[in-house]
């Protein structure tokens, strides 16, 4: 099973909401056995990213541009609803 990490400032409200939306979308499409999204706080990102397959970013660190070895997707469309379907499709493509 692949791991999708979703990070925000505290790893509680925003990232948990987005992780739930991703998991629900995966379940709706019959892909819940393929991957699971997990919420983490941005301070723990370095620890979790080593074992993840996709990173969904909610809160970029201002003034810091990080390069990761895994794909990074903006999670903002999953919060606003604008571009939600395209973002879910992109995540699904990355985990297949």
C-alpha atoms as a PDB file:
ATOM      1  CA  UNK A   1       0.000   0.000   0.000  1.00  0.00           C
ATOM      2  CA  UNK A   2       1.257   3.454  -0.886  1.00  0.00           C
ATOM      3  CA  UNK A   3       1.334   6.333   1.567  1.00  0.00           C
ATOM      4  CA  UNK A   4       0.158   9.858   0.849  1.00  0.00           C
ATOM      5  CA  UNK A   5       1.172  12.367   3.491  1.00  0.00           C
ATOM      6  CA  UNK A   6      -0.718  15.607   3.959  1.00  0.00           C
ATOM      7  CA  UNK A   7       1.065  18.290   5.952  1.00  0.00           C
ATOM      8  CA  UNK A   8      -0.103  21.531   7.508  1.00  0.00           C
ATOM      9  CA  UNK A   9       1.095  23.675  10.382  1.00  0.00           C
ATOM     10  CA  UNK A  10      -0.343  21.578  13.197  1.00  0.00           C
ATOM     11  CA  UNK A  11      -1.228  18.301  11.523  1.00  0.00           C
ATOM     12  CA  UNK A  12      -4.655  18.363  13.113  1.00  0.00           C
ATOM     13  CA  UNK A  13      -7.466  20.243  11.408  1.00  0.00           C
ATOM     14  CA  UNK A  14      -6.542  21.215   7.867  1.00  0.00           C
ATOM     15  CA  UNK A  15      -4.332  18.270   6.956  1.00  0.00           C
ATOM     16  CA  UNK A  16      -6.741  15.831   8.615  1.00  0.00           C
ATOM     17  CA  UNK A  17      -9.624  17.279   6.589  1.00  0.00           C
ATOM     18  CA  UNK A  18      -7.692  16.944   3.326  1.00  0.00           C
ATOM     19  CA  UNK A  19      -6.466  13.440   4.191  1.00  0.00           C
ATOM     20  CA  UNK A  20     -10.068  12.387   4.860  1.00  0.00           C
ATOM     21  CA  UNK A  21     -11.192  13.857   1.536  1.00  0.00           C
ATOM     22  CA  UNK A  22      -8.438  11.951  -0.282  1.00  0.00           C
ATOM     23  CA  UNK A  23      -9.274   8.698   1.509  1.00  0.00           C
ATOM     24  CA  UNK A  24     -12.983   9.150   0.742  1.00  0.00           C
ATOM     25  CA  UNK A  25     -12.222   9.772  -2.941  1.00  0.00           C
ATOM     26  CA  UNK A  26     -10.019   6.676  -3.067  1.00  0.00           C
ATOM     27  CA  UNK A  27     -12.779   4.617  -1.464  1.00  0.00           C
ATOM     28  CA  UNK A  28     -15.415   5.985  -3.868  1.00  0.00           C
ATOM     29  CA  UNK A  29     -13.255   4.914  -6.796  1.00  0.00           C
ATOM     30  CA  UNK A  30     -12.479   1.495  -5.354  1.00  0.00           C
ATOM     31  CA  UNK A  31      -8.829   2.358  -4.747  1.00  0.00           C
ATOM     32  CA  UNK A  32      -8.678   2.341  -0.948  1.00  0.00           C
ATOM     33  CA  UNK A  33      -6.505  -0.800  -0.996  1.00  0.00           C
ATOM     34  CA  UNK A  34      -3.971   0.981  -3.199  1.00  0.00           C
ATOM     35  CA  UNK A  35      -3.094   3.941  -0.942  1.00  0.00           C
ATOM     36  CA  UNK A  36      -3.942   5.764   2.261  1.00  0.00           C
ATOM     37  CA  UNK A  37      -3.565   9.437   3.147  1.00  0.00           C
ATOM     38  CA  UNK A  38      -2.207  10.410   6.558  1.00  0.00           C
ATOM     39  CA  UNK A  39      -2.134  13.848   8.211  1.00  0.00           C
ATOM     40  CA  UNK A  40       1.138  15.114   9.699  1.00  0.00           C
ATOM     41  CA  UNK A  41       2.372  18.425  11.034  1.00  0.00           C
ATOM     42  CA  UNK A  42       4.911  20.350   8.986  1.00  0.00           C
ATOM     43  CA  UNK A  43       7.570  20.017  11.711  1.00  0.00           C
ATOM     44  CA  UNK A  44       7.476  16.228  11.339  1.00  0.00           C
ATOM     45  CA  UNK A  45       7.537  16.275   7.535  1.00  0.00           C
ATOM     46  CA  UNK A  46      11.180  15.221   7.180  1.00  0.00           C
ATOM     47  CA  UNK A  47      10.540  12.133   9.281  1.00  0.00           C
ATOM     48  CA  UNK A  48       7.418  11.018   7.372  1.00  0.00           C
ATOM     49  CA  UNK A  49       8.438  11.970   3.840  1.00  0.00           C
ATOM     50  CA  UNK A  50      11.135   9.276   3.776  1.00  0.00           C
ATOM     51  CA  UNK A  51       8.458   6.549   3.730  1.00  0.00           C
ATOM     52  CA  UNK A  52       5.837   8.335   1.635  1.00  0.00           C
ATOM     53  CA  UNK A  53       4.976   8.034  -2.037  1.00  0.00           C
ATOM     54  CA  UNK A  54       3.168  11.372  -2.519  1.00  0.00           C
ATOM     55  CA  UNK A  55       3.227  14.587  -0.494  1.00  0.00           C
ATOM     56  CA  UNK A  56       0.127  16.801  -0.470  1.00  0.00           C
ATOM     57  CA  UNK A  57       1.176  20.245   0.732  1.00  0.00           C
ATOM     58  CA  UNK A  58      -1.216  22.550   2.544  1.00  0.00           C
ATOM     59  CA  UNK A  59       1.174  25.028   4.141  1.00  0.00           C
ATOM     60  CA  UNK A  60       4.391  25.880   2.340  1.00  0.00           C
ATOM     61  CA  UNK A  61       7.194  27.115   4.551  1.00  0.00           C
ATOM     62  CA  UNK A  62       7.606  30.792   3.678  1.00  0.00           C
ATOM     63  CA  UNK A  63      10.987  31.633   2.197  1.00  0.00           C
ATOM     64  CA  UNK A  64      12.031  27.985   1.938  1.00  0.00           C
ATOM     65  CA  UNK A  65      11.998  26.091  -1.329  1.00  0.00           C
ATOM     66  CA  UNK A  66      12.341  22.371  -0.705  1.00  0.00           C
ATOM     67  CA  UNK A  67      13.042  19.697  -3.257  1.00  0.00           C
ATOM     68  CA  UNK A  68      11.662  16.259  -2.498  1.00  0.00           C
ATOM     69  CA  UNK A  69      12.306  12.907  -4.106  1.00  0.00           C
ATOM     70  CA  UNK A  70       8.575  12.194  -4.294  1.00  0.00           C
ATOM     71  CA  UNK A  71       5.822  14.054  -6.167  1.00  0.00           C
ATOM     72  CA  UNK A  72       4.342  17.103  -4.418  1.00  0.00           C
ATOM     73  CA  UNK A  73       0.733  18.137  -5.016  1.00  0.00           C
ATOM     74  CA  UNK A  74      -1.003  21.252  -3.691  1.00  0.00           C
ATOM     75  CA  UNK A  75      -3.841  20.350  -1.338  1.00  0.00           C
ATOM     76  CA  UNK A  76      -5.466  23.787  -1.500  1.00  0.00           C
ATOM     77  CA  UNK A  77      -7.994  22.695  -4.172  1.00  0.00           C
ATOM     78  CA  UNK A  78      -9.212  20.030  -1.766  1.00  0.00           C
ATOM     79  CA  UNK A  79      -9.954  22.747   0.797  1.00  0.00           C
ATOM     80  CA  UNK A  80     -11.553  25.270  -1.543  1.00  0.00           C
ATOM     81  CA  UNK A  81     -13.242  22.845  -3.922  1.00  0.00           C
ATOM     82  CA  UNK A  82     -11.841  24.746  -6.909  1.00  0.00           C
ATOM     83  CA  UNK A  83      -9.906  22.194  -8.948  1.00  0.00           C
ATOM     84  CA  UNK A  84     -10.783  19.358  -6.563  1.00  0.00           C
ATOM     85  CA  UNK A  85     -11.489  16.741  -9.226  1.00  0.00           C
ATOM     86  CA  UNK A  86      -8.302  17.497 -11.140  1.00  0.00           C
ATOM     87  CA  UNK A  87      -6.248  17.260  -7.946  1.00  0.00           C
ATOM     88  CA  UNK A  88      -7.796  13.910  -7.018  1.00  0.00           C
ATOM     89  CA  UNK A  89      -7.111  12.632 -10.552  1.00  0.00           C
ATOM     90  CA  UNK A  90      -3.488  13.741 -10.299  1.00  0.00           C
ATOM     91  CA  UNK A  91      -3.045  11.988  -6.943  1.00  0.00           C
ATOM     92  CA  UNK A  92      -4.583   8.801  -8.346  1.00  0.00           C
ATOM     93  CA  UNK A  93      -2.254   8.904 -11.355  1.00  0.00           C
ATOM     94  CA  UNK A  94       0.730   9.251  -9.037  1.00  0.00           C
ATOM     95  CA  UNK A  95      -0.177   6.248  -6.890  1.00  0.00           C
ATOM     96  CA  UNK A  96      -0.962   3.860  -9.723  1.00  0.00           C
END
